[in-house]
């Protein structure tokens, strides 16, 4: 399955006491609405975003659903990217020779 990266910035990062509860509700809803995705990693990060998630999804539509759901759970901003494993990228480079 394709790999996607989702970065989010929280709408109100001051709600630290509710962060764990909100995160658990978000994961439960994603599992209900997009049951075929597979979480690879979840990080709290420094910089312009608050969180980075890496997951596998069947297609862009499923990845978009995850992004939209994150907005409904407190993300003020969400951006999704497609990721190509480095070994597959090297194969692409070889094909161009």
PDB file of N, CA and C in Angstrom:
ATOM      1  N   UNK A   1       0.851  -1.186   0.000  1.00  0.00           N
ATOM      2  CA  UNK A   1       0.000   0.000   0.000  1.00  0.00           C
ATOM      3  C   UNK A   1       0.893   1.245   0.000  1.00  0.00           C
ATOM      4  N   UNK A   2       0.426   2.317  -0.633  1.00  0.00           N
ATOM      5  CA  UNK A   2       1.184   3.573  -0.616  1.00  0.00           C
ATOM      6  C   UNK A   2       1.337   4.117   0.808  1.00  0.00           C
ATOM      7  N   UNK A   3       2.416   4.843   0.999  1.00  0.00           N
ATOM      8  CA  UNK A   3       2.718   5.442   2.302  1.00  0.00           C
ATOM      9  C   UNK A   3       2.420   6.937   2.222  1.00  0.00           C
ATOM     10  N   UNK A   4       1.801   7.448   3.281  1.00  0.00           N
ATOM     11  CA  UNK A   4       1.455   8.864   3.359  1.00  0.00           C
ATOM     12  C   UNK A   4       1.995   9.453   4.657  1.00  0.00           C
ATOM     13  N   UNK A   5       2.292  10.725   4.595  1.00  0.00           N
ATOM     14  CA  UNK A   5       2.730  11.477   5.769  1.00  0.00           C
ATOM     15  C   UNK A   5       1.715  12.590   5.993  1.00  0.00           C
ATOM     16  N   UNK A   6       1.296  12.748   7.222  1.00  0.00           N
ATOM     17  CA  UNK A   6       0.353  13.797   7.594  1.00  0.00           C
ATOM     18  C   UNK A   6       1.006  14.652   8.674  1.00  0.00           C
ATOM     19  N   UNK A   7       1.118  15.944   8.422  1.00  0.00           N
ATOM     20  CA  UNK A   7       1.594  16.865   9.452  1.00  0.00           C
ATOM     21  C   UNK A   7       0.424  17.748   9.857  1.00  0.00           C
ATOM     22  N   UNK A   8       0.317  18.000  11.148  1.00  0.00           N
ATOM     23  CA  UNK A   8      -0.792  18.804  11.654  1.00  0.00           C
ATOM     24  C   UNK A   8      -0.294  19.840  12.655  1.00  0.00           C
ATOM     25  N   UNK A   9      -1.015  20.918  12.706  1.00  0.00           N
ATOM     26  CA  UNK A   9      -0.798  21.971  13.699  1.00  0.00           C
ATOM     27  C   UNK A   9      -2.096  22.101  14.475  1.00  0.00           C
ATOM     28  N   UNK A  10      -1.995  22.041  15.794  1.00  0.00           N
ATOM     29  CA  UNK A  10      -3.189  22.094  16.626  1.00  0.00           C
ATOM     30  C   UNK A  10      -3.820  23.474  16.620  1.00  0.00           C
ATOM     31  N   UNK A  11      -5.137  23.458  16.693  1.00  0.00           N
ATOM     32  CA  UNK A  11      -5.892  24.701  16.765  1.00  0.00           C
ATOM     33  C   UNK A  11      -5.631  25.398  18.093  1.00  0.00           C
ATOM     34  N   UNK A  12      -5.616  24.627  19.174  1.00  0.00           N
ATOM     35  CA  UNK A  12      -5.426  25.194  20.501  1.00  0.00           C
ATOM     36  C   UNK A  12      -4.473  24.300  21.287  1.00  0.00           C
ATOM     37  N   UNK A  13      -3.156  24.497  21.135  1.00  0.00           N
ATOM     38  CA  UNK A  13      -2.205  23.632  21.831  1.00  0.00           C
ATOM     39  C   UNK A  13      -2.228  23.782  23.350  1.00  0.00           C
ATOM     40  N   UNK A  14      -2.990  24.759  23.862  1.00  0.00           N
ATOM     41  CA  UNK A  14      -3.082  24.930  25.312  1.00  0.00           C
ATOM     42  C   UNK A  14      -3.927  23.840  25.969  1.00  0.00           C
ATOM     43  N   UNK A  15      -4.642  23.043  25.185  1.00  0.00           N
ATOM     44  CA  UNK A  15      -5.503  22.007  25.754  1.00  0.00           C
ATOM     45  C   UNK A  15      -4.718  20.730  26.043  1.00  0.00           C
ATOM     46  N   UNK A  16      -3.595  20.864  26.722  1.00  0.00           N
ATOM     47  CA  UNK A  16      -2.710  19.745  26.999  1.00  0.00           C
ATOM     48  C   UNK A  16      -3.427  18.655  27.797  1.00  0.00           C
ATOM     49  N   UNK A  17      -4.246  19.047  28.743  1.00  0.00           N
ATOM     50  CA  UNK A  17      -4.902  18.064  29.600  1.00  0.00           C
ATOM     51  C   UNK A  17      -5.884  17.177  28.830  1.00  0.00           C
ATOM     52  N   UNK A  18      -6.343  17.623  27.680  1.00  0.00           N
ATOM     53  CA  UNK A  18      -7.288  16.835  26.885  1.00  0.00           C
ATOM     54  C   UNK A  18      -6.632  16.166  25.680  1.00  0.00           C
ATOM     55  N   UNK A  19      -5.338  16.344  25.500  1.00  0.00           N
ATOM     56  CA  UNK A  19      -4.660  15.853  24.297  1.00  0.00           C
ATOM     57  C   UNK A  19      -4.749  14.339  24.161  1.00  0.00           C
ATOM     58  N   UNK A  20      -4.490  13.600  25.237  1.00  0.00           N
ATOM     59  CA  UNK A  20      -4.520  12.134  25.176  1.00  0.00           C
ATOM     60  C   UNK A  20      -5.921  11.646  24.826  1.00  0.00           C
ATOM     61  N   UNK A  21      -6.924  12.212  25.478  1.00  0.00           N
ATOM     62  CA  UNK A  21      -8.314  11.829  25.227  1.00  0.00           C
ATOM     63  C   UNK A  21      -8.709  12.134  23.780  1.00  0.00           C
ATOM     64  N   UNK A  22      -8.346  13.324  23.295  1.00  0.00           N
ATOM     65  CA  UNK A  22      -8.663  13.695  21.918  1.00  0.00           C
ATOM     66  C   UNK A  22      -7.959  12.768  20.921  1.00  0.00           C
ATOM     67  N   UNK A  23      -6.699  12.440  21.205  1.00  0.00           N
ATOM     68  CA  UNK A  23      -5.949  11.545  20.329  1.00  0.00           C
ATOM     69  C   UNK A  23      -6.571  10.162  20.250  1.00  0.00           C
ATOM     70  N   UNK A  24      -7.018   9.651  21.376  1.00  0.00           N
ATOM     71  CA  UNK A  24      -7.660   8.330  21.397  1.00  0.00           C
ATOM     72  C   UNK A  24      -8.984   8.345  20.646  1.00  0.00           C
ATOM     73  N   UNK A  25      -9.758   9.415  20.793  1.00  0.00           N
ATOM     74  CA  UNK A  25     -11.021   9.538  20.065  1.00  0.00           C
ATOM     75  C   UNK A  25     -10.760   9.633  18.559  1.00  0.00           C
ATOM     76  N   UNK A  26      -9.726  10.367  18.190  1.00  0.00           N
ATOM     77  CA  UNK A  26      -9.371  10.505  16.778  1.00  0.00           C
ATOM     78  C   UNK A  26      -9.019   9.138  16.179  1.00  0.00           C
ATOM     79  N   UNK A  27      -8.167   8.384  16.865  1.00  0.00           N
ATOM     80  CA  UNK A  27      -7.775   7.070  16.346  1.00  0.00           C
ATOM     81  C   UNK A  27      -8.967   6.128  16.228  1.00  0.00           C
ATOM     82  N   UNK A  28      -9.863   6.179  17.189  1.00  0.00           N
ATOM     83  CA  UNK A  28     -11.055   5.336  17.142  1.00  0.00           C
ATOM     84  C   UNK A  28     -11.921   5.693  15.935  1.00  0.00           C
ATOM     85  N   UNK A  29     -12.117   6.977  15.696  1.00  0.00           N
ATOM     86  CA  UNK A  29     -12.932   7.409  14.564  1.00  0.00           C
ATOM     87  C   UNK A  29     -12.277   7.039  13.233  1.00  0.00           C
ATOM     88  N   UNK A  30     -10.953   7.203  13.142  1.00  0.00           N
ATOM     89  CA  UNK A  30     -10.258   6.826  11.914  1.00  0.00           C
ATOM     90  C   UNK A  30     -10.431   5.329  11.656  1.00  0.00           C
ATOM     91  N   UNK A  31     -10.306   4.517  12.693  1.00  0.00           N
ATOM     92  CA  UNK A  31     -10.481   3.064  12.520  1.00  0.00           C
ATOM     93  C   UNK A  31     -11.888   2.717  12.057  1.00  0.00           C
ATOM     94  N   UNK A  32     -12.875   3.491  12.486  1.00  0.00           N
ATOM     95  CA  UNK A  32     -14.259   3.266  12.062  1.00  0.00           C
ATOM     96  C   UNK A  32     -14.476   3.699  10.618  1.00  0.00           C
ATOM     97  N   UNK A  33     -13.979   4.882  10.272  1.00  0.00           N
ATOM     98  CA  UNK A  33     -14.266   5.484   8.967  1.00  0.00           C
ATOM     99  C   UNK A  33     -13.308   5.028   7.862  1.00  0.00           C
ATOM    100  N   UNK A  34     -12.085   4.691   8.235  1.00  0.00           N
ATOM    101  CA  UNK A  34     -11.065   4.285   7.255  1.00  0.00           C
ATOM    102  C   UNK A  34     -10.352   3.045   7.812  1.00  0.00           C
ATOM    103  N   UNK A  35     -11.062   1.914   7.881  1.00  0.00           N
ATOM    104  CA  UNK A  35     -10.539   0.745   8.593  1.00  0.00           C
ATOM    105  C   UNK A  35      -9.304   0.089   7.963  1.00  0.00           C
ATOM    106  N   UNK A  36      -9.031   0.351   6.703  1.00  0.00           N
ATOM    107  CA  UNK A  36      -7.925  -0.336   6.040  1.00  0.00           C
ATOM    108  C   UNK A  36      -6.571   0.353   6.189  1.00  0.00           C
ATOM    109  N   UNK A  37      -6.530   1.543   6.810  1.00  0.00           N
ATOM    110  CA  UNK A  37      -5.221   2.182   6.929  1.00  0.00           C
ATOM    111  C   UNK A  37      -4.402   1.468   8.003  1.00  0.00           C
ATOM    112  N   UNK A  38      -3.081   1.576   7.853  1.00  0.00           N
ATOM    113  CA  UNK A  38      -2.155   0.976   8.813  1.00  0.00           C
ATOM    114  C   UNK A  38      -1.224   2.072   9.315  1.00  0.00           C
ATOM    115  N   UNK A  39      -1.273   2.329  10.636  1.00  0.00           N
ATOM    116  CA  UNK A  39      -0.392   3.338  11.224  1.00  0.00           C
ATOM    117  C   UNK A  39       1.018   2.789  11.281  1.00  0.00           C
ATOM    118  N   UNK A  40       1.982   3.583  10.860  1.00  0.00           N
ATOM    119  CA  UNK A  40       3.388   3.208  10.937  1.00  0.00           C
ATOM    120  C   UNK A  40       4.064   3.925  12.094  1.00  0.00           C
ATOM    121  N   UNK A  41       3.794   5.234  12.233  1.00  0.00           N
ATOM    122  CA  UNK A  41       4.437   6.007  13.300  1.00  0.00           C
ATOM    123  C   UNK A  41       3.630   7.265  13.598  1.00  0.00           C
ATOM    124  N   UNK A  42       3.801   7.765  14.816  1.00  0.00           N
ATOM    125  CA  UNK A  42       3.171   9.014  15.261  1.00  0.00           C
ATOM    126  C   UNK A  42       4.201   9.749  16.114  1.00  0.00           C
ATOM    127  N   UNK A  43       4.486  11.001  15.750  1.00  0.00           N
ATOM    128  CA  UNK A  43       5.481  11.787  16.469  1.00  0.00           C
ATOM    129  C   UNK A  43       4.932  13.156  16.823  1.00  0.00           C
ATOM    130  N   UNK A  44       5.280  13.627  18.012  1.00  0.00           N
ATOM    131  CA  UNK A  44       5.127  15.036  18.355  1.00  0.00           C
ATOM    132  C   UNK A  44       6.441  15.670  17.907  1.00  0.00           C
ATOM    133  N   UNK A  45       6.358  16.791  17.184  1.00  0.00           N
ATOM    134  CA  UNK A  45       7.572  17.354  16.598  1.00  0.00           C
ATOM    135  C   UNK A  45       7.726  18.831  16.936  1.00  0.00           C
ATOM    136  N   UNK A  46       8.948  19.311  16.805  1.00  0.00           N
ATOM    137  CA  UNK A  46       9.250  20.730  16.976  1.00  0.00           C
ATOM    138  C   UNK A  46       9.211  21.384  15.602  1.00  0.00           C
ATOM    139  N   UNK A  47       8.980  22.660  15.569  1.00  0.00           N
ATOM    140  CA  UNK A  47       8.937  23.362  14.287  1.00  0.00           C
ATOM    141  C   UNK A  47       7.547  23.897  14.008  1.00  0.00           C
ATOM    142  N   UNK A  48       7.218  24.120  12.745  1.00  0.00           N
ATOM    143  CA  UNK A  48       5.942  24.747  12.419  1.00  0.00           C
ATOM    144  C   UNK A  48       4.730  23.835  12.621  1.00  0.00           C
ATOM    145  N   UNK A  49       4.946  22.541  12.782  1.00  0.00           N
ATOM    146  CA  UNK A  49       3.845  21.588  12.988  1.00  0.00           C
ATOM    147  C   UNK A  49       3.958  20.988  14.382  1.00  0.00           C
ATOM    148  N   UNK A  50       2.849  20.450  14.873  1.00  0.00           N
ATOM    149  CA  UNK A  50       2.849  19.818  16.191  1.00  0.00           C
ATOM    150  C   UNK A  50       3.007  18.296  16.129  1.00  0.00           C
ATOM    151  N   UNK A  51       2.442  17.677  15.067  1.00  0.00           N
ATOM    152  CA  UNK A  51       2.489  16.218  14.957  1.00  0.00           C
ATOM    153  C   UNK A  51       2.815  15.782  13.536  1.00  0.00           C
ATOM    154  N   UNK A  52       3.434  14.611  13.440  1.00  0.00           N
ATOM    155  CA  UNK A  52       3.724  13.977  12.167  1.00  0.00           C
ATOM    156  C   UNK A  52       3.272  12.526  12.273  1.00  0.00           C
ATOM    157  N   UNK A  53       2.435  12.109  11.344  1.00  0.00           N
ATOM    158  CA  UNK A  53       1.957  10.728  11.297  1.00  0.00           C
ATOM    159  C   UNK A  53       2.388  10.094   9.985  1.00  0.00           C
ATOM    160  N   UNK A  54       2.772   8.845  10.049  1.00  0.00           N
ATOM    161  CA  UNK A  54       3.116   8.077   8.865  1.00  0.00           C
ATOM    162  C   UNK A  54       2.186   6.877   8.843  1.00  0.00           C
ATOM    163  N   UNK A  55       1.524   6.675   7.698  1.00  0.00           N
ATOM    164  CA  UNK A  55       0.577   5.573   7.606  1.00  0.00           C
ATOM    165  C   UNK A  55       0.473   5.061   6.175  1.00  0.00           C
ATOM    166  N   UNK A  56      -0.041   3.856   6.038  1.00  0.00           N
ATOM    167  CA  UNK A  56      -0.318   3.276   4.731  1.00  0.00           C
ATOM    168  C   UNK A  56      -1.817   3.360   4.480  1.00  0.00           C
ATOM    169  N   UNK A  57      -2.182   3.680   3.248  1.00  0.00           N
ATOM    170  CA  UNK A  57      -3.585   3.728   2.847  1.00  0.00           C
ATOM    171  C   UNK A  57      -3.690   3.194   1.425  1.00  0.00           C
ATOM    172  N   UNK A  58      -4.877   2.716   1.069  1.00  0.00           N
ATOM    173  CA  UNK A  58      -5.078   2.160  -0.269  1.00  0.00           C
ATOM    174  C   UNK A  58      -4.865   3.190  -1.377  1.00  0.00           C
ATOM    175  N   UNK A  59      -5.281   4.444  -1.109  1.00  0.00           N
ATOM    176  CA  UNK A  59      -5.244   5.461  -2.153  1.00  0.00           C
ATOM    177  C   UNK A  59      -5.332   6.854  -1.531  1.00  0.00           C
ATOM    178  N   UNK A  60      -5.291   7.855  -2.413  1.00  0.00           N
ATOM    179  CA  UNK A  60      -5.324   9.252  -1.954  1.00  0.00           C
ATOM    180  C   UNK A  60      -6.629   9.599  -1.252  1.00  0.00           C
ATOM    181  N   UNK A  61      -7.719   8.982  -1.678  1.00  0.00           N
ATOM    182  CA  UNK A  61      -9.010   9.280  -1.062  1.00  0.00           C
ATOM    183  C   UNK A  61      -9.015   8.872   0.412  1.00  0.00           C
ATOM    184  N   UNK A  62      -8.464   7.694   0.706  1.00  0.00           N
ATOM    185  CA  UNK A  62      -8.409   7.272   2.117  1.00  0.00           C
ATOM    186  C   UNK A  62      -7.471   8.170   2.911  1.00  0.00           C
ATOM    187  N   UNK A  63      -6.348   8.548   2.307  1.00  0.00           N
ATOM    188  CA  UNK A  63      -5.417   9.451   2.993  1.00  0.00           C
ATOM    189  C   UNK A  63      -6.085  10.800   3.254  1.00  0.00           C
ATOM    190  N   UNK A  64      -6.866  11.266   2.305  1.00  0.00           N
ATOM    191  CA  UNK A  64      -7.573  12.544   2.479  1.00  0.00           C
ATOM    192  C   UNK A  64      -8.584  12.453   3.616  1.00  0.00           C
ATOM    193  N   UNK A  65      -9.235  11.311   3.763  1.00  0.00           N
ATOM    194  CA  UNK A  65     -10.187  11.138   4.866  1.00  0.00           C
ATOM    195  C   UNK A  65      -9.483  11.281   6.210  1.00  0.00           C
ATOM    196  N   UNK A  66      -8.290  10.704   6.337  1.00  0.00           N
ATOM    197  CA  UNK A  66      -7.530  10.825   7.588  1.00  0.00           C
ATOM    198  C   UNK A  66      -7.220  12.294   7.861  1.00  0.00           C
ATOM    199  N   UNK A  67      -6.807  13.001   6.829  1.00  0.00           N
ATOM    200  CA  UNK A  67      -6.496  14.420   6.979  1.00  0.00           C
ATOM    201  C   UNK A  67      -7.731  15.212   7.402  1.00  0.00           C
ATOM    202  N   UNK A  68      -8.855  14.958   6.752  1.00  0.00           N
ATOM    203  CA  UNK A  68     -10.100  15.657   7.102  1.00  0.00           C
ATOM    204  C   UNK A  68     -10.543  15.344   8.525  1.00  0.00           C
ATOM    205  N   UNK A  69     -10.400  14.095   8.933  1.00  0.00           N
ATOM    206  CA  UNK A  69     -10.768  13.733  10.300  1.00  0.00           C
ATOM    207  C   UNK A  69      -9.871  14.433  11.316  1.00  0.00           C
ATOM    208  N   UNK A  70      -8.596  14.621  10.973  1.00  0.00           N
ATOM    209  CA  UNK A  70      -7.698  15.315  11.911  1.00  0.00           C
ATOM    210  C   UNK A  70      -8.155  16.753  12.123  1.00  0.00           C
ATOM    211  N   UNK A  71      -8.695  17.360  11.066  1.00  0.00           N
ATOM    212  CA  UNK A  71      -9.209  18.731  11.198  1.00  0.00           C
ATOM    213  C   UNK A  71     -10.408  18.780  12.130  1.00  0.00           C
ATOM    214  N   UNK A  72     -11.218  17.712  12.130  1.00  0.00           N
ATOM    215  CA  UNK A  72     -12.398  17.697  12.992  1.00  0.00           C
ATOM    216  C   UNK A  72     -12.028  17.431  14.453  1.00  0.00           C
ATOM    217  N   UNK A  73     -10.766  17.057  14.702  1.00  0.00           N
ATOM    218  CA  UNK A  73     -10.325  16.787  16.069  1.00  0.00           C
ATOM    219  C   UNK A  73      -9.277  17.766  16.555  1.00  0.00           C
ATOM    220  N   UNK A  74      -9.367  19.007  16.115  1.00  0.00           N
ATOM    221  CA  UNK A  74      -8.540  20.046  16.694  1.00  0.00           C
ATOM    222  C   UNK A  74      -7.355  20.503  15.879  1.00  0.00           C
ATOM    223  N   UNK A  75      -7.111  19.897  14.723  1.00  0.00           N
ATOM    224  CA  UNK A  75      -6.009  20.389  13.897  1.00  0.00           C
ATOM    225  C   UNK A  75      -6.468  21.635  13.147  1.00  0.00           C
ATOM    226  N   UNK A  76      -5.741  22.698  13.317  1.00  0.00           N
ATOM    227  CA  UNK A  76      -6.034  23.938  12.614  1.00  0.00           C
ATOM    228  C   UNK A  76      -5.527  23.854  11.173  1.00  0.00           C
ATOM    229  N   UNK A  77      -4.488  23.063  10.991  1.00  0.00           N
ATOM    230  CA  UNK A  77      -3.853  22.916   9.689  1.00  0.00           C
ATOM    231  C   UNK A  77      -3.430  21.470   9.523  1.00  0.00           C
ATOM    232  N   UNK A  78      -3.673  20.907   8.355  1.00  0.00           N
ATOM    233  CA  UNK A  78      -3.243  19.539   8.053  1.00  0.00           C
ATOM    234  C   UNK A  78      -2.725  19.508   6.622  1.00  0.00           C
ATOM    235  N   UNK A  79      -1.591  18.865   6.447  1.00  0.00           N
ATOM    236  CA  UNK A  79      -0.999  18.733   5.122  1.00  0.00           C
ATOM    237  C   UNK A  79      -0.563  17.287   4.941  1.00  0.00           C
ATOM    238  N   UNK A  80      -0.906  16.711   3.793  1.00  0.00           N
ATOM    239  CA  UNK A  80      -0.574  15.311   3.519  1.00  0.00           C
ATOM    240  C   UNK A  80       0.396  15.219   2.355  1.00  0.00           C
ATOM    241  N   UNK A  81       1.312  14.260   2.458  1.00  0.00           N
ATOM    242  CA  UNK A  81       2.299  14.019   1.415  1.00  0.00           C
ATOM    243  C   UNK A  81       2.349  12.532   1.091  1.00  0.00           C
ATOM    244  N   UNK A  82       2.696  12.219  -0.148  1.00  0.00           N
ATOM    245  CA  UNK A  82       2.962  10.844  -0.524  1.00  0.00           C
ATOM    246  C   UNK A  82       4.442  10.578  -0.287  1.00  0.00           C
ATOM    247  N   UNK A  83       4.767   9.410   0.237  1.00  0.00           N
ATOM    248  CA  UNK A  83       6.163   9.055   0.486  1.00  0.00           C
ATOM    249  C   UNK A  83       6.528   7.832  -0.362  1.00  0.00           C
ATOM    250  N   UNK A  84       7.695   7.886  -0.973  1.00  0.00           N
ATOM    251  CA  UNK A  84       8.198   6.763  -1.762  1.00  0.00           C
ATOM    252  C   UNK A  84       9.384   6.171  -1.005  1.00  0.00           C
ATOM    253  N   UNK A  85       9.325   4.877  -0.668  1.00  0.00           N
ATOM    254  CA  UNK A  85      10.483   4.267  -0.006  1.00  0.00           C
ATOM    255  C   UNK A  85      11.750   4.482  -0.851  1.00  0.00           C
ATOM    256  N   UNK A  86      12.858   4.702  -0.178  1.00  0.00           N
ATOM    257  CA  UNK A  86      14.093   5.058  -0.868  1.00  0.00           C
ATOM    258  C   UNK A  86      14.507   3.985  -1.873  1.00  0.00           C
ATOM    259  N   UNK A  87      14.337   2.729  -1.530  1.00  0.00           N
ATOM    260  CA  UNK A  87      14.715   1.662  -2.462  1.00  0.00           C
ATOM    261  C   UNK A  87      13.892   1.747  -3.756  1.00  0.00           C
ATOM    262  N   UNK A  88      12.617   2.079  -3.639  1.00  0.00           N
ATOM    263  CA  UNK A  88      11.778   2.243  -4.825  1.00  0.00           C
ATOM    264  C   UNK A  88      12.183   3.486  -5.617  1.00  0.00           C
ATOM    265  N   UNK A  89      12.590   4.533  -4.912  1.00  0.00           N
ATOM    266  CA  UNK A  89      13.073   5.740  -5.577  1.00  0.00           C
ATOM    267  C   UNK A  89      14.311   5.426  -6.414  1.00  0.00           C
ATOM    268  N   UNK A  90      15.230   4.623  -5.851  1.00  0.00           N
ATOM    269  CA  UNK A  90      16.429   4.249  -6.592  1.00  0.00           C
ATOM    270  C   UNK A  90      16.080   3.460  -7.848  1.00  0.00           C
ATOM    271  N   UNK A  91      15.026   2.635  -7.777  1.00  0.00           N
ATOM    272  CA  UNK A  91      14.576   1.904  -8.959  1.00  0.00           C
ATOM    273  C   UNK A  91      14.070   2.882 -10.026  1.00  0.00           C
ATOM    274  N   UNK A  92      13.365   3.921  -9.610  1.00  0.00           N
ATOM    275  CA  UNK A  92      12.913   4.945 -10.547  1.00  0.00           C
ATOM    276  C   UNK A  92      14.091   5.615 -11.244  1.00  0.00           C
ATOM    277  N   UNK A  93      15.121   5.910 -10.477  1.00  0.00           N
ATOM    278  CA  UNK A  93      16.314   6.533 -11.034  1.00  0.00           C
ATOM    279  C   UNK A  93      16.949   5.612 -12.072  1.00  0.00           C
ATOM    280  N   UNK A  94      17.038   4.335 -11.754  1.00  0.00           N
ATOM    281  CA  UNK A  94      17.614   3.366 -12.693  1.00  0.00           C
ATOM    282  C   UNK A  94      16.810   3.306 -13.979  1.00  0.00           C
ATOM    283  N   UNK A  95      15.507   3.400 -13.871  1.00  0.00           N
ATOM    284  CA  UNK A  95      14.649   3.358 -15.068  1.00  0.00           C
ATOM    285  C   UNK A  95      14.892   4.552 -15.994  1.00  0.00           C
ATOM    286  N   UNK A  96      15.423   5.635 -15.456  1.00  0.00           N
ATOM    287  CA  UNK A  96      15.648   6.834 -16.266  1.00  0.00           C
ATOM    288  C   UNK A  96      16.977   6.812 -17.017  1.00  0.00           C
ATOM    289  N   UNK A  97      17.819   5.846 -16.709  1.00  0.00           N
ATOM    290  CA  UNK A  97      19.129   5.766 -17.391  1.00  0.00           C
ATOM    291  C   UNK A  97      18.982   5.316 -18.811  1.00  0.00           C
TER     292      UNK A  97
END
